[in-house]
C-alpha atoms as a PDB file:
ATOM      1  CA  MET A   1     102.266 168.376 105.175  1.00  0.00           C
ATOM      2  CA  SER A   2      99.768 168.099 102.264  1.00  0.00           C
ATOM      3  CA  GLU A   3     101.262 165.366 100.707  1.00  0.00           C
ATOM      4  CA  GLN A   4     103.723 162.791 102.292  1.00  0.00           C
ATOM      5  CA  ALA A   5     107.531 163.752 101.683  1.00  0.00           C
ATOM      6  CA  GLU A   6     109.941 161.676 100.140  1.00  0.00           C
ATOM      7  CA  TYR A   7     112.118 159.363 102.567  1.00  0.00           C
ATOM      8  CA  SER A   8     115.352 158.304 102.055  1.00  0.00           C
ATOM      9  CA  VAL A   9     115.777 154.532 100.000  1.00  0.00           C
ATOM     10  CA  PHE A  10     115.772 152.201 102.671  1.00  0.00           C
ATOM     11  CA  GLU A  11     117.944 154.611 105.177  1.00  0.00           C
ATOM     12  CA  ASP A  12     114.455 155.560 107.637  1.00  0.00           C
ATOM     13  CA  ILE A  13     112.194 152.773 107.015  1.00  0.00           C
ATOM     14  CA  GLY A  14     114.559 149.568 106.319  1.00  0.00           C
ATOM     15  CA  TYR A  15     114.229 146.726 103.933  1.00  0.00           C
ATOM     16  CA  VAL A  16     110.073 144.960 103.721  1.00  0.00           C
ATOM     17  CA  GLU A  17     109.650 141.849 102.212  1.00  0.00           C
ATOM     18  CA  PRO A  18     106.919 142.933  99.341  1.00  0.00           C
ATOM     19  CA  LYS A  19     103.707 141.343  99.680  1.00  0.00           C
ATOM     20  CA  SER A  20     103.296 138.700  96.165  1.00  0.00           C
ATOM     21  CA  GLU A  21      99.913 140.118  95.411  1.00  0.00           C
ATOM     22  CA  GLU A  22     101.141 143.711  95.702  1.00  0.00           C
ATOM     23  CA  LYS A  23     104.526 143.223  93.829  1.00  0.00           C
ATOM     24  CA  ALA A  24     102.294 141.735  91.094  1.00  0.00           C
ATOM     25  CA  ALA A  25      99.941 144.000  91.022  1.00  0.00           C
ATOM     26  CA  LEU A  26     102.633 146.972  90.974  1.00  0.00           C
ATOM     27  CA  ILE A  27     104.398 145.025  87.899  1.00  0.00           C
ATOM     28  CA  VAL A  28     101.235 145.320  85.699  1.00  0.00           C
ATOM     29  CA  LYS A  29     100.738 148.481  86.422  1.00  0.00           C
ATOM     30  CA  LEU A  30     104.209 149.171  85.424  1.00  0.00           C
ATOM     31  CA  GLN A  31     103.658 147.441  81.993  1.00  0.00           C
ATOM     32  CA  ALA A  32     100.775 148.997  81.398  1.00  0.00           C
ATOM     33  CA  GLY A  33     102.994 152.513  81.598  1.00  0.00           C
ATOM     34  CA  ASP A  34     100.710 153.624  84.698  1.00  0.00           C
ATOM     35  CA  TYR A  35     102.798 155.013  86.818  1.00  0.00           C
ATOM     36  CA  THR A  36     104.561 158.379  87.519  1.00  0.00           C
ATOM     37  CA  LEU A  37     107.984 158.332  89.533  1.00  0.00           C
ATOM     38  CA  SER A  38     109.406 160.364  92.221  1.00  0.00           C
ATOM     39  CA  PHE A  39     113.726 161.317  92.241  1.00  0.00           C
ATOM     40  CA  SER A  40     113.447 158.988  95.199  1.00  0.00           C
ATOM     41  CA  SER A  41     111.765 156.080  93.446  1.00  0.00           C
ATOM     42  CA  LEU A  42     114.325 156.027  90.555  1.00  0.00           C
ATOM     43  CA  SER A  43     117.413 156.391  93.030  1.00  0.00           C
ATOM     44  CA  ALA A  44     116.099 153.231  94.410  1.00  0.00           C
ATOM     45  CA  PHE A  45     116.130 151.687  90.464  1.00  0.00           C
ATOM     46  CA  ALA A  46     119.412 152.828  91.036  1.00  0.00           C
ATOM     47  CA  ILE A  47     120.388 149.914  93.393  1.00  0.00           C
ATOM     48  CA  SER A  48     118.521 147.600  91.910  1.00  0.00           C
ATOM     49  CA  PRO A  49     115.283 146.671  90.029  1.00  0.00           C
ATOM     50  CA  ARG A  50     114.304 144.391  93.387  1.00  0.00           C
ATOM     51  CA  ALA A  51     114.994 147.583  95.762  1.00  0.00           C
ATOM     52  CA  PHE A  52     112.370 149.861  92.732  1.00  0.00           C
ATOM     53  CA  ILE A  53     109.072 147.315  94.170  1.00  0.00           C
ATOM     54  CA  ALA A  54     110.337 147.838  97.541  1.00  0.00           C
ATOM     55  CA  TYR A  55     110.359 151.108  97.806  1.00  0.00           C
ATOM     56  CA  LYS A  56     106.966 151.571  95.116  1.00  0.00           C
ATOM     57  CA  LEU A  57     105.364 149.506  97.749  1.00  0.00           C
ATOM     58  CA  GLN A  58     106.540 151.621 100.922  1.00  0.00           C
ATOM     59  CA  GLU A  59     106.544 154.998  99.545  1.00  0.00           C
ATOM     60  CA  ARG A  60     102.714 155.776 101.036  1.00  0.00           C
ATOM     61  CA  LYS A  61     102.846 153.749 104.434  1.00  0.00           C
ATOM     62  CA  THR A  62     103.725 155.983 107.178  1.00  0.00           C
ATOM     63  CA  THR A  63     106.290 155.333 109.352  1.00  0.00           C
ATOM     64  CA  ALA A  64     108.046 157.465 112.815  1.00  0.00           C
ATOM     65  CA  ALA A  65     111.110 158.467 111.108  1.00  0.00           C
ATOM     66  CA  MET A  66     108.776 159.810 108.121  1.00  0.00           C
ATOM     67  CA  GLN A  67     106.716 161.255 110.792  1.00  0.00           C
ATOM     68  CA  MET A  68     109.425 162.690 112.649  1.00  0.00           C
ATOM     69  CA  GLY A  69     110.500 164.135 109.246  1.00  0.00           C
ATOM     70  CA  GLU A  70     107.063 165.819 108.909  1.00  0.00           C
ATOM     71  CA  ALA A  71     106.622 167.350 111.996  1.00  0.00           C
ATOM     72  CA  VAL A  72     110.403 169.205 111.567  1.00  0.00           C
ATOM     73  CA  HIS A  73     109.448 170.359 108.350  1.00  0.00           C
ATOM     74  CA  CYS A  74     105.894 171.666 109.193  1.00  0.00           C
ATOM     75  CA  LEU A  75     107.436 173.173 112.643  1.00  0.00           C
ATOM     76  CA  VAL A  76     110.166 175.067 110.045  1.00  0.00           C
ATOM     77  CA  LEU A  77     108.727 175.751 107.634  1.00  0.00           C
ATOM     78  CA  GLU A  78     105.184 176.088 108.297  1.00  0.00           C
ATOM     79  CA  PRO A  79     104.920 176.484 112.038  1.00  0.00           C
ATOM     80  CA  GLU A  80     101.259 178.477 112.064  1.00  0.00           C
ATOM     81  CA  GLU A  81     100.097 175.284 110.608  1.00  0.00           C
ATOM     82  CA  PHE A  82     101.208 172.723 113.316  1.00  0.00           C
ATOM     83  CA  ASP A  83      98.664 173.142 115.989  1.00  0.00           C
ATOM     84  CA  LYS A  84      96.130 173.099 112.779  1.00  0.00           C
ATOM     85  CA  ARG A  85      97.455 169.583 111.632  1.00  0.00           C
ATOM     86  CA  TYR A  86      98.942 168.435 114.281  1.00  0.00           C
ATOM     87  CA  HIS A  87      97.528 166.797 118.615  1.00  0.00           C
ATOM     88  CA  VAL A  88     100.260 165.834 121.084  1.00  0.00           C
ATOM     89  CA  ALA A  89      99.590 163.263 122.693  1.00  0.00           C
ATOM     90  CA  PRO A  90     100.654 163.592 126.476  1.00  0.00           C
ATOM     91  CA  GLU A  91     104.190 161.655 127.332  1.00  0.00           C
ATOM     92  CA  VAL A  92     102.555 158.075 128.627  1.00  0.00           C
ATOM     93  CA  ASP A  93     103.779 154.158 128.488  1.00  0.00           C
ATOM     94  CA  GLY A  94     101.306 152.778 125.944  1.00  0.00           C
ATOM     95  CA  SER A  95     101.901 149.389 127.626  1.00  0.00           C
ATOM     96  CA  THR A  96     100.706 150.629 131.134  1.00  0.00           C
ATOM     97  CA  LYS A  97      96.898 150.373 132.567  1.00  0.00           C
ATOM     98  CA  GLU A  98      97.051 154.444 132.828  1.00  0.00           C
ATOM     99  CA  GLY A  99      98.551 155.092 129.369  1.00  0.00           C
ATOM    100  CA  LYS A 100      96.887 153.125 127.432  1.00  0.00           C
ATOM    101  CA  ALA A 101      93.350 154.614 129.605  1.00  0.00           C
ATOM    102  CA  VAL A 102      95.086 157.580 127.924  1.00  0.00           C
ATOM    103  CA  TRP A 103      95.261 156.345 124.702  1.00  0.00           C
ATOM    104  CA  ALA A 104      91.222 155.272 124.965  1.00  0.00           C
ATOM    105  CA  GLU A 105      90.579 158.493 125.781  1.00  0.00           C
ATOM    106  CA  ILE A 106      92.211 159.797 122.834  1.00  0.00           C
ATOM    107  CA  TYR A 107      90.327 157.471 120.645  1.00  0.00           C
ATOM    108  CA  ALA A 108      86.690 158.445 121.855  1.00  0.00           C
ATOM    109  CA  ASP A 109      87.923 161.579 121.302  1.00  0.00           C
ATOM    110  CA  PHE A 110      88.108 161.336 117.790  1.00  0.00           C
ATOM    111  CA  ILE A 111      86.037 158.922 116.890  1.00  0.00           C
ATOM    112  CA  GLY A 112      83.058 159.573 119.449  1.00  0.00           C
ATOM    113  CA  ASP A 113      83.205 155.849 120.520  1.00  0.00           C
ATOM    114  CA  GLU A 114      84.732 152.971 122.909  1.00  0.00           C
ATOM    115  CA  MET A 115      87.927 151.869 121.305  1.00  0.00           C
ATOM    116  CA  PRO A 116      87.938 148.276 120.312  1.00  0.00           C
ATOM    117  CA  LYS A 117      89.268 146.179 122.861  1.00  0.00           C
ATOM    118  CA  GLY A 118      93.437 145.229 121.294  1.00  0.00           C
ATOM    119  CA  PHE A 119      93.563 148.335 119.315  1.00  0.00           C
ATOM    120  CA  ARG A 120      97.115 149.597 119.082  1.00  0.00           C
ATOM    121  CA  ILE A 121      98.253 152.953 119.263  1.00  0.00           C
ATOM    122  CA  ASP A 122      99.098 153.113 115.510  1.00  0.00           C
ATOM    123  CA  GLN A 123      95.757 151.992 114.775  1.00  0.00           C
ATOM    124  CA  ILE A 124      94.210 155.253 116.716  1.00  0.00           C
ATOM    125  CA  LYS A 125      96.207 156.987 115.638  1.00  0.00           C
ATOM    126  CA  ALA A 126      95.654 155.879 111.647  1.00  0.00           C
ATOM    127  CA  ALA A 127      91.715 156.262 113.382  1.00  0.00           C
ATOM    128  CA  ALA A 128      91.514 159.419 114.331  1.00  0.00           C
ATOM    129  CA  LEU A 129      93.564 160.644 110.779  1.00  0.00           C
ATOM    130  CA  ALA A 130      90.705 158.945 108.425  1.00  0.00           C
ATOM    131  CA  ALA A 131      88.406 160.546 110.905  1.00  0.00           C
ATOM    132  CA  THR A 132      89.056 163.858 110.674  1.00  0.00           C
ATOM    133  CA  GLY A 133      93.033 164.838 109.303  1.00  0.00           C
ATOM    134  CA  THR A 134      94.255 165.032 112.479  1.00  0.00           C
ATOM    135  CA  ILE A 135      98.357 163.615 113.179  1.00  0.00           C
ATOM    136  CA  VAL A 136      98.605 162.284 116.720  1.00  0.00           C
ATOM    137  CA  ILE A 137     101.556 162.793 117.816  1.00  0.00           C
ATOM    138  CA  ASP A 138     102.917 161.349 120.502  1.00  0.00           C
ATOM    139  CA  GLY A 139     104.573 163.790 123.210  1.00  0.00           C
ATOM    140  CA  LYS A 140     108.276 162.106 123.295  1.00  0.00           C
ATOM    141  CA  SER A 141     108.127 162.748 119.275  1.00  0.00           C
ATOM    142  CA  ALA A 142     106.424 166.279 119.683  1.00  0.00           C
ATOM    143  CA  SER A 143     109.470 167.367 121.866  1.00  0.00           C
ATOM    144  CA  GLN A 144     112.149 166.021 119.274  1.00  0.00           C
ATOM    145  CA  ALA A 145     110.833 167.201 116.572  1.00  0.00           C
ATOM    146  CA  ARG A 146     110.584 170.698 118.106  1.00  0.00           C
ATOM    147  CA  ALA A 147     114.196 170.958 119.181  1.00  0.00           C
ATOM    148  CA  ARG A 148     114.967 169.642 115.977  1.00  0.00           C
ATOM    149  CA  ALA A 149     113.570 171.994 114.474  1.00  0.00           C
ATOM    150  CA  ARG A 150     114.721 174.850 116.809  1.00  0.00           C
ATOM    151  CA  SER A 151     118.203 174.134 115.885  1.00  0.00           C
ATOM    152  CA  VAL A 152     117.734 174.289 112.350  1.00  0.00           C
ATOM    153  CA  VAL A 153     116.299 177.926 112.799  1.00  0.00           C
ATOM    154  CA  ASN A 154     118.568 179.163 114.718  1.00  0.00           C
ATOM    155  CA  ASN A 155     121.315 178.024 112.798  1.00  0.00           C
ATOM    156  CA  ARG A 156     122.892 181.270 110.598  1.00  0.00           C
ATOM    157  CA  ALA A 157     123.669 178.925 107.518  1.00  0.00           C
ATOM    158  CA  ALA A 158     119.707 177.952 107.499  1.00  0.00           C
ATOM    159  CA  ARG A 159     118.046 181.168 108.749  1.00  0.00           C
ATOM    160  CA  HIS A 160     120.109 182.478 105.733  1.00  0.00           C
ATOM    161  CA  VAL A 161     118.502 180.247 103.220  1.00  0.00           C
ATOM    162  CA  LEU A 162     114.981 180.301 105.061  1.00  0.00           C
ATOM    163  CA  ASP A 163     114.792 184.021 105.016  1.00  0.00           C
ATOM    164  CA  GLN A 164     114.592 184.129 100.639  1.00  0.00           C
ATOM    165  CA  ILE A 165     111.389 181.518 100.944  1.00  0.00           C
ATOM    166  CA  THR A 166     108.489 182.636  99.833  1.00  0.00           C
ATOM    167  CA  GLN A 167     106.746 179.959  99.084  1.00  0.00           C
ATOM    168  CA  THR A 168     106.365 176.160 100.913  1.00  0.00           C
ATOM    169  CA  GLU A 169     105.021 172.881 100.014  1.00  0.00           C
ATOM    170  CA  THR A 170     104.810 173.541  96.756  1.00  0.00           C
ATOM    171  CA  LYS A 171     104.233 170.511  94.401  1.00  0.00           C
ATOM    172  CA  VAL A 172     105.541 169.713  90.785  1.00  0.00           C
ATOM    173  CA  ASP A 173     105.708 167.782  87.502  1.00  0.00           C
ATOM    174  CA  PHE A 174     108.646 167.099  85.928  1.00  0.00           C
ATOM    175  CA  HIS A 175     108.505 165.877  82.575  1.00  0.00           C
ATOM    176  CA  PHE A 176     111.944 163.943  81.164  1.00  0.00           C
ATOM    177  CA  GLU A 177     112.668 161.002  79.175  1.00  0.00           C
ATOM    178  CA  GLY A 178     108.786 160.883  78.203  1.00  0.00           C
ATOM    179  CA  ILE A 179     107.896 159.593  82.137  1.00  0.00           C
ATOM    180  CA  GLU A 180     106.677 161.806  84.364  1.00  0.00           C
ATOM    181  CA  PHE A 181     107.826 162.517  87.895  1.00  0.00           C
ATOM    182  CA  LYS A 182     106.203 163.947  90.459  1.00  0.00           C
ATOM    183  CA  GLY A 183     107.873 165.723  93.548  1.00  0.00           C
ATOM    184  CA  MET A 184     107.367 168.681  96.256  1.00  0.00           C
ATOM    185  CA  ILE A 185     109.573 171.468  97.431  1.00  0.00           C
ATOM    186  CA  ASP A 186     110.101 172.041 100.672  1.00  0.00           C
ATOM    187  CA  GLY A 187     110.653 176.373 100.227  1.00  0.00           C
ATOM    188  CA  HIS A 188     111.616 178.340  96.736  1.00  0.00           C
ATOM    189  CA  GLY A 189     111.648 181.914  96.433  1.00  0.00           C
ATOM    190  CA  LYS A 190     113.514 184.164  93.957  1.00  0.00           C
ATOM    191  CA  GLY A 191     116.281 182.329  92.400  1.00  0.00           C
ATOM    192  CA  ILE A 192     116.744 179.725  95.726  1.00  0.00           C
ATOM    193  CA  ILE A 193     114.878 176.409  96.364  1.00  0.00           C
ATOM    194  CA  ALA A 194     115.580 174.720  99.757  1.00  0.00           C
ATOM    195  CA  ASP A 195     114.768 171.227 100.952  1.00  0.00           C
ATOM    196  CA  LEU A 196     114.831 169.852 104.484  1.00  0.00           C
ATOM    197  CA  LYS A 197     116.662 166.678 105.345  1.00  0.00           C
ATOM    198  CA  ASN A 198     116.522 164.984 108.335  1.00  0.00           C
ATOM    199  CA  MET A 199     119.503 162.435 108.112  1.00  0.00           C
ATOM    200  CA  PRO A 200     121.253 159.887 110.843  1.00  0.00           C
ATOM    201  CA  ASP A 201     123.965 162.520 110.985  1.00  0.00           C
ATOM    202  CA  ALA A 202     124.274 166.061 109.451  1.00  0.00           C
ATOM    203  CA  SER A 203     127.896 166.771 110.217  1.00  0.00           C
ATOM    204  CA  TYR A 204     128.713 168.297 107.186  1.00  0.00           C
ATOM    205  CA  GLN A 205     131.336 165.690 105.919  1.00  0.00           C
ATOM    206  CA  LYS A 206     128.453 163.178 106.568  1.00  0.00           C
ATOM    207  CA  ALA A 207     125.549 164.894 105.052  1.00  0.00           C
ATOM    208  CA  THR A 208     127.607 165.610 102.305  1.00  0.00           C
ATOM    209  CA  GLY A 209     128.289 161.420 101.707  1.00  0.00           C
ATOM    210  CA  SER A 210     124.842 160.704 102.053  1.00  0.00           C
ATOM    211  CA  ILE A 211     123.213 163.046  99.735  1.00  0.00           C
ATOM    212  CA  TRP A 212     125.903 161.803  97.423  1.00  0.00           C
ATOM    213  CA  ALA A 213     124.402 158.406  98.163  1.00  0.00           C
ATOM    214  CA  ARG A 214     121.006 159.189  98.330  1.00  0.00           C
ATOM    215  CA  ARG A 215     121.558 161.048  94.639  1.00  0.00           C
ATOM    216  CA  LEU A 216     119.747 164.396  95.643  1.00  0.00           C
ATOM    217  CA  HIS A 217     120.723 166.110  93.332  1.00  0.00           C
ATOM    218  CA  TRP A 218     118.774 164.973  91.119  1.00  0.00           C
ATOM    219  CA  GLN A 219     115.803 166.083  93.013  1.00  0.00           C
ATOM    220  CA  ALA A 220     117.765 169.086  92.525  1.00  0.00           C
ATOM    221  CA  PHE A 221     117.977 168.880  89.296  1.00  0.00           C
ATOM    222  CA  GLY A 222     114.102 168.554  88.765  1.00  0.00           C
ATOM    223  CA  TYR A 223     113.139 170.679  90.700  1.00  0.00           C
ATOM    224  CA  ASP A 224     115.316 173.460  89.481  1.00  0.00           C
ATOM    225  CA  ALA A 225     114.048 172.568  85.795  1.00  0.00           C
ATOM    226  CA  ALA A 226     110.711 172.487  87.300  1.00  0.00           C
ATOM    227  CA  LEU A 227     110.562 176.226  87.852  1.00  0.00           C
ATOM    228  CA  SER A 228     112.245 177.597  84.397  1.00  0.00           C
ATOM    229  CA  GLY A 229     116.073 176.810  86.102  1.00  0.00           C
ATOM    230  CA  GLY A 230     118.508 179.723  87.191  1.00  0.00           C
ATOM    231  CA  ASN A 231     118.209 178.711  90.944  1.00  0.00           C
ATOM    232  CA  THR A 232     120.882 177.997  93.553  1.00  0.00           C
ATOM    233  CA  CYS A 233     119.567 174.734  94.984  1.00  0.00           C
ATOM    234  CA  HIS A 234     119.943 173.857  98.721  1.00  0.00           C
ATOM    235  CA  ILE A 235     120.178 171.085 100.847  1.00  0.00           C
ATOM    236  CA  ILE A 236     119.261 171.766 105.028  1.00  0.00           C
ATOM    237  CA  ALA A 237     120.709 168.910 106.765  1.00  0.00           C
ATOM    238  CA  ILE A 238     119.698 168.599 110.761  1.00  0.00           C
ATOM    239  CA  ASP A 239     119.682 165.074 112.770  1.00  0.00           C
ATOM    240  CA  GLY A 240     118.711 163.918 116.484  1.00  0.00           C
ATOM    241  CA  ASN A 241     121.617 165.407 117.987  1.00  0.00           C
ATOM    242  CA  GLY A 242     120.546 169.356 116.488  1.00  0.00           C
ATOM    243  CA  GLU A 243     123.514 169.437 114.080  1.00  0.00           C
ATOM    244  CA  VAL A 244     122.619 171.063 111.396  1.00  0.00           C
ATOM    245  CA  SER A 245     124.745 171.569 107.677  1.00  0.00           C
ATOM    246  CA  VAL A 246     123.345 173.614 104.835  1.00  0.00           C
ATOM    247  CA  HIS A 247     125.197 172.566 101.200  1.00  0.00           C
ATOM    248  CA  ALA A 248     124.800 174.280  97.980  1.00  0.00           C
ATOM    249  CA  PHE A 249     124.574 171.916  94.338  1.00  0.00           C
ATOM    250  CA  SER A 250     125.793 173.983  91.326  1.00  0.00           C
ATOM    251  CA  GLN A 251     124.839 173.660  87.706  1.00  0.00           C
ATOM    252  CA  ARG A 252     127.791 171.267  87.496  1.00  0.00           C
ATOM    253  CA  ASN A 253     126.234 168.874  89.875  1.00  0.00           C
ATOM    254  CA  LEU A 254     122.939 169.431  88.000  1.00  0.00           C
ATOM    255  CA  ASP A 255     124.511 168.593  84.187  1.00  0.00           C
ATOM    256  CA  ALA A 256     125.759 165.098  85.840  1.00  0.00           C
ATOM    257  CA  ALA A 257     122.290 164.840  87.245  1.00  0.00           C
ATOM    258  CA  GLU A 258     120.916 164.990  84.416  1.00  0.00           C
ATOM    259  CA  ARG A 259     123.143 162.644  82.665  1.00  0.00           C
ATOM    260  CA  GLN A 260     122.759 159.982  85.341  1.00  0.00           C
ATOM    261  CA  MET A 261     119.477 160.261  85.615  1.00  0.00           C
ATOM    262  CA  ARG A 262     118.980 160.113  81.485  1.00  0.00           C
ATOM    263  CA  ARG A 263     120.761 156.509  82.143  1.00  0.00           C
ATOM    264  CA  TYR A 264     118.711 155.388  84.517  1.00  0.00           C
ATOM    265  CA  VAL A 265     115.790 156.447  82.903  1.00  0.00           C
ATOM    266  CA  THR A 266     116.561 154.313  79.846  1.00  0.00           C
ATOM    267  CA  GLU A 267     117.098 151.145  82.332  1.00  0.00           C
ATOM    268  CA  PHE A 268     114.261 151.565  83.364  1.00  0.00           C
ATOM    269  CA  LYS A 269     112.371 151.927  80.392  1.00  0.00           C
ATOM    270  CA  ARG A 270     114.165 148.852  79.531  1.00  0.00           C
ATOM    271  CA  ALA A 271     113.115 146.341  82.580  1.00  0.00           C
ATOM    272  CA  VAL A 272     109.699 147.931  82.073  1.00  0.00           C
ATOM    273  CA  VAL A 273     110.308 146.551  78.290  1.00  0.00           C
ATOM    274  CA  GLU A 274     111.392 142.953  79.421  1.00  0.00           C
ATOM    275  CA  SER A 275     108.783 141.996  82.689  1.00  0.00           C
ATOM    276  CA  VAL A 276     106.545 142.129  80.009  1.00  0.00           C
ATOM    277  CA  PHE A 277     108.276 138.719  79.147  1.00  0.00           C
ATOM    278  CA  ASP A 278     109.828 137.829  81.795  1.00  0.00           C
ATOM    279  CA  ALA A 279     108.178 139.460  85.385  1.00  0.00           C
ATOM    280  CA  SER A 280     111.287 137.712  87.455  1.00  0.00           C
ATOM    281  CA  VAL A 281     113.628 140.718  86.224  1.00  0.00           C
ATOM    282  CA  TRP A 282     111.682 143.215  89.035  1.00  0.00           C
ATOM    283  CA  ASN A 283     113.524 140.629  91.511  1.00  0.00           C
ATOM    284  CA  ALA A 284     117.151 141.026  90.136  1.00  0.00           C
ATOM    285  CA  SER A 285     119.470 142.868  91.853  1.00  0.00           C
ATOM    286  CA  GLN A 286     123.303 143.569  91.239  1.00  0.00           C
ATOM    287  CA  GLU A 287     123.581 141.040  88.671  1.00  0.00           C
ATOM    288  CA  PHE A 288     121.029 143.856  86.800  1.00  0.00           C
ATOM    289  CA  TRP A 289     123.906 145.820  86.040  1.00  0.00           C
ATOM    290  CA  LEU A 290     126.646 143.779  85.471  1.00  0.00           C
ATOM    291  CA  GLU A 291     124.758 140.961  83.607  1.00  0.00           C
ATOM    292  CA  SER A 292     126.097 140.618  79.556  1.00  0.00           C
ATOM    293  CA  ASP A 293     127.090 138.802  76.490  1.00  0.00           C
ATOM    294  CA  MET A 294     130.114 138.448  78.326  1.00  0.00           C
ATOM    295  CA  ASN A 295     128.904 138.081  81.670  1.00  0.00           C
ATOM    296  CA  ARG A 296     126.811 136.126  81.571  1.00  0.00           C
ATOM    297  CA  HIS A 297     125.429 135.344  85.203  1.00  0.00           C
ATOM    298  CA  GLY A 298     126.127 138.846  86.570  1.00  0.00           C
ATOM    299  CA  ILE A 299     129.291 137.762  88.665  1.00  0.00           C
ATOM    300  CA  ASN A 300     131.745 140.572  88.996  1.00  0.00           C
ATOM    301  CA  TYR A 301     135.098 139.348  88.379  1.00  0.00           C
ATOM    302  CA  LEU A 302     137.637 141.094  90.893  1.00  0.00           C
END
């Protein structure tokens, strides 16, 4: 992929406590207006300002789940690119002497030097990527990614959508309420947009719940607007068991997304302004949505 795919809010990566210096630097940028948003980052803000900060500080860090998602995307949407972008490592136990030797050889092949003592597998992968642009993926993960990709391309509903795709991995900029949003459309064609999502459970009931919980209709609204409107936006959901479900948004869904995004963008701007006087607003959890003149402490009274 030419740009890292968005990940879901905390679902795949887990919450990571931000480092104080990184958090402070991000807040300074927000106060200066030096930022762009993704649809996932606004969705994180819709949880809380605290969740937004954690998301923004993690969005450029690659996790195993994100790497799996990117590999599946490549195998489904641009299969001819997989061998160019990826090097599949043998399926070995990296904690054994034999496994360590295999990974040391991989390091030497990509870097042209002996591997430093104590280097971890994730460091070897990072070094190979930095030196050559090649993504090293372990054999087990590659097998899982191929299995998921086969499930997608052999699924009749997914095939119906994929057969209409003429362009893949399209970067888009979308300006909304004075804020620039950036995104990457997985695939689109005449009047159709497709987004491939790896999910814990892609059964249509569970995937439907995940779609609304992750506010993926916001992304659909933005992508449709970026392509001048009139598109039917689809989510192709795939899970580790090979289950696939395909979902299409209606215009009513996109209209609702526009209203909801307008509300949260307004609240985001409020948080940015308030933080100039009190940066602790970015520590706020659910009290941010509950505080008012009548509820000074932000308590949800049942």
